């Protein structure tokens, strides 16, 4: 077994410390594997942290896609109801775009939001 010795001076005494390194760590294949693994985890363009952020962004986009799919279905139903009934079309135009007939007036009343004390 390989032994690396260090001499440490503490006060008046010189101490000898032996540090033994296991032989499998000195193997060139183990060193190369550890170096490659470190490179892939920390320094590569597709490192662990980048992949984590990509996965997080993908999950956010999938949630957003689901939201928009629901909104599209709701809008299709609204469109179908507007096409099928003239009464619904008139109600939608009055509420959404504040349209009116020639012989009437519209008053829009806005409520003040409650103030916190």
PDB file of N, CA and C in Angstrom:
ATOM      1  N   UNK A   1       0.839  -1.163   0.000  1.00  0.00           N
ATOM      2  CA  UNK A   1       0.000   0.000   0.000  1.00  0.00           C
ATOM      3  C   UNK A   1       0.890   1.234   0.000  1.00  0.00           C
ATOM      4  N   UNK A   2       0.536   2.217  -0.787  1.00  0.00           N
ATOM      5  CA  UNK A   2       1.348   3.422  -0.897  1.00  0.00           C
ATOM      6  C   UNK A   2       1.160   4.287   0.330  1.00  0.00           C
ATOM      7  N   UNK A   3       2.244   4.886   0.758  1.00  0.00           N
ATOM      8  CA  UNK A   3       2.213   5.711   1.962  1.00  0.00           C
ATOM      9  C   UNK A   3       2.814   7.062   1.628  1.00  0.00           C
ATOM     10  N   UNK A   4       2.103   8.101   1.980  1.00  0.00           N
ATOM     11  CA  UNK A   4       2.597   9.445   1.806  1.00  0.00           C
ATOM     12  C   UNK A   4       2.833  10.014   3.195  1.00  0.00           C
ATOM     13  N   UNK A   5       4.007  10.504   3.457  1.00  0.00           N
ATOM     14  CA  UNK A   5       4.360  10.995   4.777  1.00  0.00           C
ATOM     15  C   UNK A   5       4.473  12.509   4.741  1.00  0.00           C
ATOM     16  N   UNK A   6       3.956  13.149   5.769  1.00  0.00           N
ATOM     17  CA  UNK A   6       4.061  14.580   5.937  1.00  0.00           C
ATOM     18  C   UNK A   6       4.685  14.857   7.296  1.00  0.00           C
ATOM     19  N   UNK A   7       5.524  15.840   7.339  1.00  0.00           N
ATOM     20  CA  UNK A   7       6.130  16.257   8.592  1.00  0.00           C
ATOM     21  C   UNK A   7       5.503  17.573   9.005  1.00  0.00           C
ATOM     22  N   UNK A   8       4.997  17.626  10.217  1.00  0.00           N
ATOM     23  CA  UNK A   8       4.352  18.827  10.730  1.00  0.00           C
ATOM     24  C   UNK A   8       5.119  19.280  11.964  1.00  0.00           C
ATOM     25  N   UNK A   9       5.450  20.558  11.966  1.00  0.00           N
ATOM     26  CA  UNK A   9       6.165  21.121  13.113  1.00  0.00           C
ATOM     27  C   UNK A   9       5.151  21.773  14.040  1.00  0.00           C
ATOM     28  N   UNK A  10       4.995  21.238  15.224  1.00  0.00           N
ATOM     29  CA  UNK A  10       4.086  21.804  16.211  1.00  0.00           C
ATOM     30  C   UNK A  10       4.885  22.149  17.456  1.00  0.00           C
ATOM     31  N   UNK A  11       5.100  23.408  17.651  1.00  0.00           N
ATOM     32  CA  UNK A  11       5.861  23.836  18.830  1.00  0.00           C
ATOM     33  C   UNK A  11       7.298  23.368  18.735  1.00  0.00           C
ATOM     34  N   UNK A  12       7.735  22.562  19.698  1.00  0.00           N
ATOM     35  CA  UNK A  12       9.112  22.091  19.764  1.00  0.00           C
ATOM     36  C   UNK A  12       9.292  20.712  19.157  1.00  0.00           C
ATOM     37  N   UNK A  13       8.165  20.046  18.818  1.00  0.00           N
ATOM     38  CA  UNK A  13       8.274  18.668  18.333  1.00  0.00           C
ATOM     39  C   UNK A  13       7.946  18.595  16.848  1.00  0.00           C
ATOM     40  N   UNK A  14       8.556  17.691  16.187  1.00  0.00           N
ATOM     41  CA  UNK A  14       8.290  17.414  14.781  1.00  0.00           C
ATOM     42  C   UNK A  14       7.485  16.128  14.727  1.00  0.00           C
ATOM     43  N   UNK A  15       6.253  16.220  14.179  1.00  0.00           N
ATOM     44  CA  UNK A  15       5.389  15.044  14.110  1.00  0.00           C
ATOM     45  C   UNK A  15       5.363  14.523  12.683  1.00  0.00           C
ATOM     46  N   UNK A  16       5.324  13.225  12.576  1.00  0.00           N
ATOM     47  CA  UNK A  16       5.256  12.573  11.266  1.00  0.00           C
ATOM     48  C   UNK A  16       3.856  11.977  11.127  1.00  0.00           C
ATOM     49  N   UNK A  17       3.127  12.414  10.087  1.00  0.00           N
ATOM     50  CA  UNK A  17       1.772  11.926   9.837  1.00  0.00           C
ATOM     51  C   UNK A  17       1.795  11.090   8.571  1.00  0.00           C
ATOM     52  N   UNK A  18       1.254   9.890   8.674  1.00  0.00           N
ATOM     53  CA  UNK A  18       1.177   8.994   7.519  1.00  0.00           C
ATOM     54  C   UNK A  18      -0.243   9.018   6.956  1.00  0.00           C
ATOM     55  N   UNK A  19      -0.345   9.255   5.665  1.00  0.00           N
ATOM     56  CA  UNK A  19      -1.626   9.204   4.975  1.00  0.00           C
ATOM     57  C   UNK A  19      -1.519   8.107   3.937  1.00  0.00           C
ATOM     58  N   UNK A  20      -2.401   7.143   4.057  1.00  0.00           N
ATOM     59  CA  UNK A  20      -2.379   6.028   3.097  1.00  0.00           C
ATOM     60  C   UNK A  20      -3.480   6.232   2.061  1.00  0.00           C
ATOM     61  N   UNK A  21      -3.131   6.061   0.831  1.00  0.00           N
ATOM     62  CA  UNK A  21      -4.063   6.186  -0.285  1.00  0.00           C
ATOM     63  C   UNK A  21      -4.339   4.786  -0.811  1.00  0.00           C
ATOM     64  N   UNK A  22      -5.612   4.385  -0.873  1.00  0.00           N
ATOM     65  CA  UNK A  22      -5.923   3.046  -1.380  1.00  0.00           C
ATOM     66  C   UNK A  22      -5.464   2.898  -2.829  1.00  0.00           C
ATOM     67  N   UNK A  23      -5.030   1.714  -3.196  1.00  0.00           N
ATOM     68  CA  UNK A  23      -4.490   1.527  -4.551  1.00  0.00           C
ATOM     69  C   UNK A  23      -5.522   1.698  -5.667  1.00  0.00           C
ATOM     70  N   UNK A  24      -6.801   1.423  -5.396  1.00  0.00           N
ATOM     71  CA  UNK A  24      -7.780   1.550  -6.488  1.00  0.00           C
ATOM     72  C   UNK A  24      -7.975   3.014  -6.888  1.00  0.00           C
ATOM     73  N   UNK A  25      -7.689   3.949  -5.991  1.00  0.00           N
ATOM     74  CA  UNK A  25      -7.809   5.362  -6.338  1.00  0.00           C
ATOM     75  C   UNK A  25      -6.653   5.792  -7.239  1.00  0.00           C
ATOM     76  N   UNK A  26      -5.525   5.121  -7.140  1.00  0.00           N
ATOM     77  CA  UNK A  26      -4.376   5.443  -7.986  1.00  0.00           C
ATOM     78  C   UNK A  26      -4.511   4.863  -9.391  1.00  0.00           C
ATOM     79  N   UNK A  27      -5.516   4.041  -9.600  1.00  0.00           N
ATOM     80  CA  UNK A  27      -5.740   3.428 -10.901  1.00  0.00           C
ATOM     81  C   UNK A  27      -6.106   4.520 -11.910  1.00  0.00           C
ATOM     82  N   UNK A  28      -5.473   4.513 -13.076  1.00  0.00           N
ATOM     83  CA  UNK A  28      -5.695   5.568 -14.067  1.00  0.00           C
ATOM     84  C   UNK A  28      -7.118   5.550 -14.622  1.00  0.00           C
ATOM     85  N   UNK A  29      -7.757   4.392 -14.651  1.00  0.00           N
ATOM     86  CA  UNK A  29      -9.125   4.308 -15.154  1.00  0.00           C
ATOM     87  C   UNK A  29     -10.113   4.922 -14.162  1.00  0.00           C
ATOM     88  N   UNK A  30      -9.864   4.733 -12.889  1.00  0.00           N
ATOM     89  CA  UNK A  30     -10.719   5.340 -11.864  1.00  0.00           C
ATOM     90  C   UNK A  30     -10.573   6.854 -11.899  1.00  0.00           C
ATOM     91  N   UNK A  31      -9.357   7.335 -12.022  1.00  0.00           N
ATOM     92  CA  UNK A  31      -9.116   8.779 -12.089  1.00  0.00           C
ATOM     93  C   UNK A  31      -9.782   9.369 -13.332  1.00  0.00           C
ATOM     94  N   UNK A  32      -9.651   8.698 -14.468  1.00  0.00           N
ATOM     95  CA  UNK A  32     -10.273   9.181 -15.707  1.00  0.00           C
ATOM     96  C   UNK A  32     -11.790   9.162 -15.596  1.00  0.00           C
ATOM     97  N   UNK A  33     -12.354   8.124 -14.973  1.00  0.00           N
ATOM     98  CA  UNK A  33     -13.807   8.033 -14.807  1.00  0.00           C
ATOM     99  C   UNK A  33     -14.328   9.138 -13.903  1.00  0.00           C
ATOM    100  N   UNK A  34     -13.626   9.394 -12.818  1.00  0.00           N
ATOM    101  CA  UNK A  34     -14.045  10.461 -11.907  1.00  0.00           C
ATOM    102  C   UNK A  34     -13.958  11.814 -12.601  1.00  0.00           C
ATOM    103  N   UNK A  35     -12.902  12.035 -13.352  1.00  0.00           N
ATOM    104  CA  UNK A  35     -12.753  13.302 -14.086  1.00  0.00           C
ATOM    105  C   UNK A  35     -13.869  13.471 -15.120  1.00  0.00           C
ATOM    106  N   UNK A  36     -14.183  12.400 -15.847  1.00  0.00           N
ATOM    107  CA  UNK A  36     -15.257  12.460 -16.837  1.00  0.00           C
ATOM    108  C   UNK A  36     -16.603  12.722 -16.176  1.00  0.00           C
ATOM    109  N   UNK A  37     -16.865  12.036 -15.084  1.00  0.00           N
ATOM    110  CA  UNK A  37     -18.123  12.230 -14.360  1.00  0.00           C
ATOM    111  C   UNK A  37     -18.242  13.664 -13.850  1.00  0.00           C
ATOM    112  N   UNK A  38     -17.167  14.205 -13.295  1.00  0.00           N
ATOM    113  CA  UNK A  38     -17.178  15.591 -12.824  1.00  0.00           C
ATOM    114  C   UNK A  38     -17.422  16.550 -13.984  1.00  0.00           C
ATOM    115  N   UNK A  39     -16.796  16.291 -15.121  1.00  0.00           N
ATOM    116  CA  UNK A  39     -16.992  17.144 -16.295  1.00  0.00           C
ATOM    117  C   UNK A  39     -18.452  17.118 -16.752  1.00  0.00           C
ATOM    118  N   UNK A  40     -19.041  15.930 -16.819  1.00  0.00           N
ATOM    119  CA  UNK A  40     -20.415  15.808 -17.286  1.00  0.00           C
ATOM    120  C   UNK A  40     -21.414  16.429 -16.313  1.00  0.00           C
ATOM    121  N   UNK A  41     -21.144  16.356 -15.018  1.00  0.00           N
ATOM    122  CA  UNK A  41     -22.083  16.891 -14.030  1.00  0.00           C
ATOM    123  C   UNK A  41     -21.988  18.410 -13.923  1.00  0.00           C
ATOM    124  N   UNK A  42     -20.783  18.973 -13.971  1.00  0.00           N
ATOM    125  CA  UNK A  42     -20.630  20.386 -13.662  1.00  0.00           C
ATOM    126  C   UNK A  42     -20.280  21.294 -14.843  1.00  0.00           C
ATOM    127  N   UNK A  43     -19.518  20.826 -15.832  1.00  0.00           N
ATOM    128  CA  UNK A  43     -18.962  21.738 -16.824  1.00  0.00           C
ATOM    129  C   UNK A  43     -19.527  21.587 -18.234  1.00  0.00           C
ATOM    130  N   UNK A  44     -20.164  20.504 -18.542  1.00  0.00           N
ATOM    131  CA  UNK A  44     -20.654  20.257 -19.894  1.00  0.00           C
ATOM    132  C   UNK A  44     -21.821  21.185 -20.221  1.00  0.00           C
ATOM    133  N   UNK A  45     -22.103  21.375 -21.489  1.00  0.00           N
ATOM    134  CA  UNK A  45     -23.225  22.204 -21.923  1.00  0.00           C
ATOM    135  C   UNK A  45     -24.566  21.630 -21.503  1.00  0.00           C
ATOM    136  N   UNK A  46     -24.639  20.353 -21.306  1.00  0.00           N
ATOM    137  CA  UNK A  46     -25.860  19.686 -20.857  1.00  0.00           C
ATOM    138  C   UNK A  46     -25.672  19.148 -19.436  1.00  0.00           C
ATOM    139  N   UNK A  47     -25.092  19.967 -18.574  1.00  0.00           N
ATOM    140  CA  UNK A  47     -24.805  19.517 -17.219  1.00  0.00           C
ATOM    141  C   UNK A  47     -26.085  19.317 -16.409  1.00  0.00           C
ATOM    142  N   UNK A  48     -25.925  18.826 -15.215  1.00  0.00           N
ATOM    143  CA  UNK A  48     -27.056  18.478 -14.353  1.00  0.00           C
ATOM    144  C   UNK A  48     -27.940  19.687 -14.069  1.00  0.00           C
ATOM    145  N   UNK A  49     -27.338  20.827 -13.781  1.00  0.00           N
ATOM    146  CA  UNK A  49     -28.108  22.010 -13.412  1.00  0.00           C
ATOM    147  C   UNK A  49     -28.897  22.557 -14.604  1.00  0.00           C
ATOM    148  N   UNK A  50     -28.314  22.502 -15.779  1.00  0.00           N
ATOM    149  CA  UNK A  50     -29.017  22.943 -16.983  1.00  0.00           C
ATOM    150  C   UNK A  50     -30.193  22.019 -17.279  1.00  0.00           C
ATOM    151  N   UNK A  51     -29.970  20.726 -17.153  1.00  0.00           N
ATOM    152  CA  UNK A  51     -31.057  19.766 -17.378  1.00  0.00           C
ATOM    153  C   UNK A  51     -32.189  19.977 -16.382  1.00  0.00           C
ATOM    154  N   UNK A  52     -31.855  20.284 -15.130  1.00  0.00           N
ATOM    155  CA  UNK A  52     -32.869  20.541 -14.112  1.00  0.00           C
ATOM    156  C   UNK A  52     -33.698  21.775 -14.480  1.00  0.00           C
ATOM    157  N   UNK A  53     -33.041  22.843 -14.919  1.00  0.00           N
ATOM    158  CA  UNK A  53     -33.778  24.049 -15.292  1.00  0.00           C
ATOM    159  C   UNK A  53     -34.639  23.811 -16.541  1.00  0.00           C
ATOM    160  N   UNK A  54     -34.128  23.014 -17.488  1.00  0.00           N
ATOM    161  CA  UNK A  54     -34.927  22.683 -18.670  1.00  0.00           C
ATOM    162  C   UNK A  54     -36.165  21.875 -18.282  1.00  0.00           C
ATOM    163  N   UNK A  55     -36.004  20.936 -17.366  1.00  0.00           N
ATOM    164  CA  UNK A  55     -37.132  20.107 -16.922  1.00  0.00           C
ATOM    165  C   UNK A  55     -38.181  20.968 -16.209  1.00  0.00           C
ATOM    166  N   UNK A  56     -37.718  21.912 -15.395  1.00  0.00           N
ATOM    167  CA  UNK A  56     -38.620  22.812 -14.678  1.00  0.00           C
ATOM    168  C   UNK A  56     -39.396  23.685 -15.674  1.00  0.00           C
ATOM    169  N   UNK A  57     -38.700  24.213 -16.670  1.00  0.00           N
ATOM    170  CA  UNK A  57     -39.338  25.052 -17.689  1.00  0.00           C
ATOM    171  C   UNK A  57     -40.341  24.237 -18.508  1.00  0.00           C
ATOM    172  N   UNK A  58     -39.994  22.978 -18.807  1.00  0.00           N
ATOM    173  CA  UNK A  58     -40.903  22.103 -19.546  1.00  0.00           C
ATOM    174  C   UNK A  58     -42.189  21.865 -18.768  1.00  0.00           C
ATOM    175  N   UNK A  59     -42.086  21.636 -17.473  1.00  0.00           N
ATOM    176  CA  UNK A  59     -43.273  21.431 -16.644  1.00  0.00           C
ATOM    177  C   UNK A  59     -44.152  22.671 -16.620  1.00  0.00           C
ATOM    178  N   UNK A  60     -43.528  23.860 -16.525  1.00  0.00           N
ATOM    179  CA  UNK A  60     -44.297  25.102 -16.567  1.00  0.00           C
ATOM    180  C   UNK A  60     -45.020  25.257 -17.903  1.00  0.00           C
ATOM    181  N   UNK A  61     -44.337  24.952 -18.994  1.00  0.00           N
ATOM    182  CA  UNK A  61     -44.946  25.080 -20.315  1.00  0.00           C
ATOM    183  C   UNK A  61     -46.078  24.081 -20.512  1.00  0.00           C
ATOM    184  N   UNK A  62     -45.941  22.877 -19.959  1.00  0.00           N
ATOM    185  CA  UNK A  62     -47.020  21.896 -20.067  1.00  0.00           C
ATOM    186  C   UNK A  62     -48.250  22.342 -19.286  1.00  0.00           C
ATOM    187  N   UNK A  63     -48.050  22.957 -18.119  1.00  0.00           N
ATOM    188  CA  UNK A  63     -49.189  23.497 -17.355  1.00  0.00           C
ATOM    189  C   UNK A  63     -49.854  24.629 -18.134  1.00  0.00           C
ATOM    190  N   UNK A  64     -49.031  25.475 -18.742  1.00  0.00           N
ATOM    191  CA  UNK A  64     -49.560  26.580 -19.534  1.00  0.00           C
ATOM    192  C   UNK A  64     -50.327  26.060 -20.748  1.00  0.00           C
ATOM    193  N   UNK A  65     -49.815  25.008 -21.363  1.00  0.00           N
ATOM    194  CA  UNK A  65     -50.496  24.401 -22.515  1.00  0.00           C
ATOM    195  C   UNK A  65     -51.858  23.871 -22.100  1.00  0.00           C
ATOM    196  N   UNK A  66     -51.917  23.202 -20.947  1.00  0.00           N
ATOM    197  CA  UNK A  66     -53.186  22.670 -20.450  1.00  0.00           C
ATOM    198  C   UNK A  66     -54.183  23.800 -20.199  1.00  0.00           C
ATOM    199  N   UNK A  67     -53.709  24.896 -19.614  1.00  0.00           N
ATOM    200  CA  UNK A  67     -54.578  26.050 -19.364  1.00  0.00           C
ATOM    201  C   UNK A  67     -55.148  26.576 -20.681  1.00  0.00           C
ATOM    202  N   UNK A  68     -54.296  26.737 -21.683  1.00  0.00           N
ATOM    203  CA  UNK A  68     -54.765  27.276 -22.960  1.00  0.00           C
ATOM    204  C   UNK A  68     -55.683  26.308 -23.697  1.00  0.00           C
ATOM    205  N   UNK A  69     -55.477  25.023 -23.527  1.00  0.00           N
ATOM    206  CA  UNK A  69     -56.392  24.052 -24.148  1.00  0.00           C
ATOM    207  C   UNK A  69     -57.792  24.175 -23.538  1.00  0.00           C
ATOM    208  N   UNK A  70     -57.851  24.356 -22.221  1.00  0.00           N
ATOM    209  CA  UNK A  70     -59.151  24.549 -21.559  1.00  0.00           C
ATOM    210  C   UNK A  70     -59.790  25.845 -22.039  1.00  0.00           C
ATOM    211  N   UNK A  71     -59.000  26.904 -22.156  1.00  0.00           N
ATOM    212  CA  UNK A  71     -59.522  28.181 -22.628  1.00  0.00           C
ATOM    213  C   UNK A  71     -60.033  28.082 -24.070  1.00  0.00           C
ATOM    214  N   UNK A  72     -59.337  27.343 -24.899  1.00  0.00           N
ATOM    215  CA  UNK A  72     -59.769  27.163 -26.289  1.00  0.00           C
ATOM    216  C   UNK A  72     -61.121  26.455 -26.335  1.00  0.00           C
ATOM    217  N   UNK A  73     -61.281  25.427 -25.519  1.00  0.00           N
ATOM    218  CA  UNK A  73     -62.562  24.709 -25.482  1.00  0.00           C
ATOM    219  C   UNK A  73     -63.684  25.623 -25.000  1.00  0.00           C
ATOM    220  N   UNK A  74     -63.384  26.438 -23.981  1.00  0.00           N
ATOM    221  CA  UNK A  74     -64.395  27.362 -23.467  1.00  0.00           C
ATOM    222  C   UNK A  74     -64.769  28.390 -24.536  1.00  0.00           C
ATOM    223  N   UNK A  75     -63.767  28.884 -25.267  1.00  0.00           N
ATOM    224  CA  UNK A  75     -64.040  29.860 -26.331  1.00  0.00           C
ATOM    225  C   UNK A  75     -64.817  29.242 -27.489  1.00  0.00           C
ATOM    226  N   UNK A  76     -64.543  27.980 -27.789  1.00  0.00           N
ATOM    227  CA  UNK A  76     -65.316  27.300 -28.840  1.00  0.00           C
ATOM    228  C   UNK A  76     -66.781  27.181 -28.450  1.00  0.00           C
ATOM    229  N   UNK A  77     -67.029  26.866 -27.177  1.00  0.00           N
ATOM    230  CA  UNK A  77     -68.415  26.775 -26.705  1.00  0.00           C
ATOM    231  C   UNK A  77     -69.099  28.134 -26.746  1.00  0.00           C
ATOM    232  N   UNK A  78     -68.378  29.191 -26.341  1.00  0.00           N
ATOM    233  CA  UNK A  78     -68.931  30.544 -26.401  1.00  0.00           C
ATOM    234  C   UNK A  78     -69.232  30.946 -27.838  1.00  0.00           C
ATOM    235  N   UNK A  79     -68.338  30.629 -28.745  1.00  0.00           N
ATOM    236  CA  UNK A  79     -68.544  30.944 -30.152  1.00  0.00           C
ATOM    237  C   UNK A  79     -69.761  30.213 -30.703  1.00  0.00           C
ATOM    238  N   UNK A  80     -69.903  28.963 -30.339  1.00  0.00           N
ATOM    239  CA  UNK A  80     -71.051  28.186 -30.812  1.00  0.00           C
ATOM    240  C   UNK A  80     -72.359  28.781 -30.292  1.00  0.00           C
ATOM    241  N   UNK A  81     -72.350  29.218 -29.018  1.00  0.00           N
ATOM    242  CA  UNK A  81     -73.573  29.817 -28.477  1.00  0.00           C
ATOM    243  C   UNK A  81     -73.859  31.171 -29.129  1.00  0.00           C
ATOM    244  N   UNK A  82     -72.822  31.925 -29.492  1.00  0.00           N
ATOM    245  CA  UNK A  82     -73.026  33.210 -30.163  1.00  0.00           C
ATOM    246  C   UNK A  82     -73.548  33.019 -31.578  1.00  0.00           C
ATOM    247  N   UNK A  83     -73.054  32.007 -32.259  1.00  0.00           N
ATOM    248  CA  UNK A  83     -73.503  31.752 -33.630  1.00  0.00           C
ATOM    249  C   UNK A  83     -74.938  31.242 -33.642  1.00  0.00           C
ATOM    250  N   UNK A  84     -75.291  30.448 -32.663  1.00  0.00           N
ATOM    251  CA  UNK A  84     -76.598  29.806 -32.671  1.00  0.00           C
ATOM    252  C   UNK A  84     -77.735  30.729 -32.246  1.00  0.00           C
ATOM    253  N   UNK A  85     -77.481  31.737 -31.428  1.00  0.00           N
ATOM    254  CA  UNK A  85     -78.557  32.573 -30.905  1.00  0.00           C
ATOM    255  C   UNK A  85     -78.221  34.055 -31.068  1.00  0.00           C
ATOM    256  N   UNK A  86     -79.172  34.779 -31.669  1.00  0.00           N
ATOM    257  CA  UNK A  86     -78.989  36.219 -31.845  1.00  0.00           C
ATOM    258  C   UNK A  86     -79.088  36.940 -30.505  1.00  0.00           C
ATOM    259  N   UNK A  87     -79.883  36.402 -29.603  1.00  0.00           N
ATOM    260  CA  UNK A  87     -80.031  37.000 -28.279  1.00  0.00           C
ATOM    261  C   UNK A  87     -78.703  36.927 -27.494  1.00  0.00           C
ATOM    262  N   UNK A  88     -78.035  35.793 -27.570  1.00  0.00           N
ATOM    263  CA  UNK A  88     -76.735  35.649 -26.905  1.00  0.00           C
ATOM    264  C   UNK A  88     -75.685  36.576 -27.525  1.00  0.00           C
ATOM    265  N   UNK A  89     -75.756  36.740 -28.852  1.00  0.00           N
ATOM    266  CA  UNK A  89     -74.826  37.631 -29.543  1.00  0.00           C
ATOM    267  C   UNK A  89     -75.018  39.075 -29.082  1.00  0.00           C
ATOM    268  N   UNK A  90     -76.278  39.503 -28.956  1.00  0.00           N
ATOM    269  CA  UNK A  90     -76.568  40.863 -28.500  1.00  0.00           C
ATOM    270  C   UNK A  90     -76.103  41.057 -27.041  1.00  0.00           C
ATOM    271  N   UNK A  91     -76.343  40.071 -26.195  1.00  0.00           N
ATOM    272  CA  UNK A  91     -75.925  40.143 -24.796  1.00  0.00           C
ATOM    273  C   UNK A  91     -74.398  40.248 -24.700  1.00  0.00           C
ATOM    274  N   UNK A  92     -73.709  39.464 -25.502  1.00  0.00           N
ATOM    275  CA  UNK A  92     -72.246  39.487 -25.500  1.00  0.00           C
ATOM    276  C   UNK A  92     -71.721  40.845 -25.948  1.00  0.00           C
ATOM    277  N   UNK A  93     -72.303  41.400 -27.016  1.00  0.00           N
ATOM    278  CA  UNK A  93     -71.862  42.699 -27.539  1.00  0.00           C
ATOM    279  C   UNK A  93     -72.104  43.801 -26.521  1.00  0.00           C
ATOM    280  N   UNK A  94     -73.227  43.765 -25.814  1.00  0.00           N
ATOM    281  CA  UNK A  94     -73.530  44.790 -24.806  1.00  0.00           C
ATOM    282  C   UNK A  94     -72.574  44.698 -23.614  1.00  0.00           C
ATOM    283  N   UNK A  95     -72.310  43.488 -23.142  1.00  0.00           N
ATOM    284  CA  UNK A  95     -71.482  43.325 -21.946  1.00  0.00           C
ATOM    285  C   UNK A  95     -69.994  43.526 -22.237  1.00  0.00           C
ATOM    286  N   UNK A  96     -69.540  42.970 -23.305  1.00  0.00           N
ATOM    287  CA  UNK A  96     -68.106  42.970 -23.582  1.00  0.00           C
ATOM    288  C   UNK A  96     -67.639  44.276 -24.226  1.00  0.00           C
ATOM    289  N   UNK A  97     -68.399  44.779 -25.180  1.00  0.00           N
ATOM    290  CA  UNK A  97     -67.961  45.942 -25.947  1.00  0.00           C
ATOM    291  C   UNK A  97     -68.800  47.190 -25.699  1.00  0.00           C
ATOM    292  N   UNK A  98     -69.704  47.139 -24.724  1.00  0.00           N
ATOM    293  CA  UNK A  98     -70.553  48.262 -24.338  1.00  0.00           C
ATOM    294  C   UNK A  98     -71.308  48.859 -25.527  1.00  0.00           C
ATOM    295  N   UNK A  99     -71.805  48.009 -26.399  1.00  0.00           N
ATOM    296  CA  UNK A  99     -72.588  48.469 -27.542  1.00  0.00           C
ATOM    297  C   UNK A  99     -74.022  48.747 -27.094  1.00  0.00           C
ATOM    298  N   UNK A 100     -74.699  49.611 -27.848  1.00  0.00           N
ATOM    299  CA  UNK A 100     -76.065  49.982 -27.478  1.00  0.00           C
ATOM    300  C   UNK A 100     -76.903  50.176 -28.733  1.00  0.00           C
ATOM    301  N   UNK A 101     -78.191  50.203 -28.505  1.00  0.00           N
ATOM    302  CA  UNK A 101     -79.099  50.506 -29.602  1.00  0.00           C
ATOM    303  C   UNK A 101     -79.156  52.023 -29.758  1.00  0.00           C
ATOM    304  N   UNK A 102     -79.738  52.487 -30.881  1.00  0.00           N
ATOM    305  CA  UNK A 102     -79.772  53.923 -31.165  1.00  0.00           C
ATOM    306  C   UNK A 102     -80.609  54.700 -30.155  1.00  0.00           C
ATOM    307  N   UNK A 103     -81.653  54.117 -29.634  1.00  0.00           N
ATOM    308  CA  UNK A 103     -82.575  54.861 -28.780  1.00  0.00           C
ATOM    309  C   UNK A 103     -82.340  54.629 -27.282  1.00  0.00           C
ATOM    310  N   UNK A 104     -81.151  54.236 -26.873  1.00  0.00           N
ATOM    311  CA  UNK A 104     -80.912  54.009 -25.452  1.00  0.00           C
ATOM    312  C   UNK A 104     -79.549  54.554 -25.040  1.00  0.00           C
ATOM    313  N   UNK A 105     -79.415  54.771 -23.746  1.00  0.00           N
ATOM    314  CA  UNK A 105     -78.162  55.248 -23.184  1.00  0.00           C
ATOM    315  C   UNK A 105     -77.638  54.209 -22.202  1.00  0.00           C
ATOM    316  N   UNK A 106     -76.322  54.157 -22.076  1.00  0.00           N
ATOM    317  CA  UNK A 106     -75.707  53.188 -21.166  1.00  0.00           C
ATOM    318  C   UNK A 106     -74.910  53.964 -20.124  1.00  0.00           C
ATOM    319  N   UNK A 107     -75.093  53.579 -18.875  1.00  0.00           N
ATOM    320  CA  UNK A 107     -74.325  54.153 -17.780  1.00  0.00           C
ATOM    321  C   UNK A 107     -73.497  53.036 -17.164  1.00  0.00           C
ATOM    322  N   UNK A 108     -72.212  53.266 -17.092  1.00  0.00           N
ATOM    323  CA  UNK A 108     -71.308  52.278 -16.502  1.00  0.00           C
ATOM    324  C   UNK A 108     -70.969  52.752 -15.099  1.00  0.00           C
ATOM    325  N   UNK A 109     -71.272  51.930 -14.115  1.00  0.00           N
ATOM    326  CA  UNK A 109     -71.014  52.266 -12.721  1.00  0.00           C
ATOM    327  C   UNK A 109     -69.867  51.402 -12.232  1.00  0.00           C
ATOM    328  N   UNK A 110     -68.801  52.055 -11.835  1.00  0.00           N
ATOM    329  CA  UNK A 110     -67.635  51.350 -11.319  1.00  0.00           C
ATOM    330  C   UNK A 110     -67.584  51.500  -9.813  1.00  0.00           C
ATOM    331  N   UNK A 111     -67.358  50.422  -9.116  1.00  0.00           N
ATOM    332  CA  UNK A 111     -67.248  50.454  -7.671  1.00  0.00           C
ATOM    333  C   UNK A 111     -65.811  50.680  -7.282  1.00  0.00           C
ATOM    334  N   UNK A 112     -65.607  51.472  -6.229  1.00  0.00           N
ATOM    335  CA  UNK A 112     -64.253  51.693  -5.727  1.00  0.00           C
ATOM    336  C   UNK A 112     -63.811  50.459  -4.965  1.00  0.00           C
ATOM    337  N   UNK A 113     -62.565  50.070  -5.152  1.00  0.00           N
ATOM    338  CA  UNK A 113     -62.079  48.946  -4.359  1.00  0.00           C
ATOM    339  C   UNK A 113     -61.954  49.356  -2.885  1.00  0.00           C
ATOM    340  N   UNK A 114     -62.202  48.421  -2.005  1.00  0.00           N
ATOM    341  CA  UNK A 114     -62.117  48.718  -0.580  1.00  0.00           C
ATOM    342  C   UNK A 114     -60.690  49.007  -0.179  1.00  0.00           C
ATOM    343  N   UNK A 115     -60.520  50.027   0.625  1.00  0.00           N
ATOM    344  CA  UNK A 115     -59.184  50.395   1.074  1.00  0.00           C
ATOM    345  C   UNK A 115     -58.864  49.680   2.370  1.00  0.00           C
ATOM    346  N   UNK A 116     -57.654  49.185   2.459  1.00  0.00           N
ATOM    347  CA  UNK A 116     -57.214  48.511   3.683  1.00  0.00           C
ATOM    348  C   UNK A 116     -56.703  49.539   4.667  1.00  0.00           C
ATOM    349  N   UNK A 117     -57.040  49.338   5.917  1.00  0.00           N
ATOM    350  CA  UNK A 117     -56.600  50.276   6.957  1.00  0.00           C
ATOM    351  C   UNK A 117     -55.331  49.803   7.602  1.00  0.00           C
TER     352      UNK A 117
END
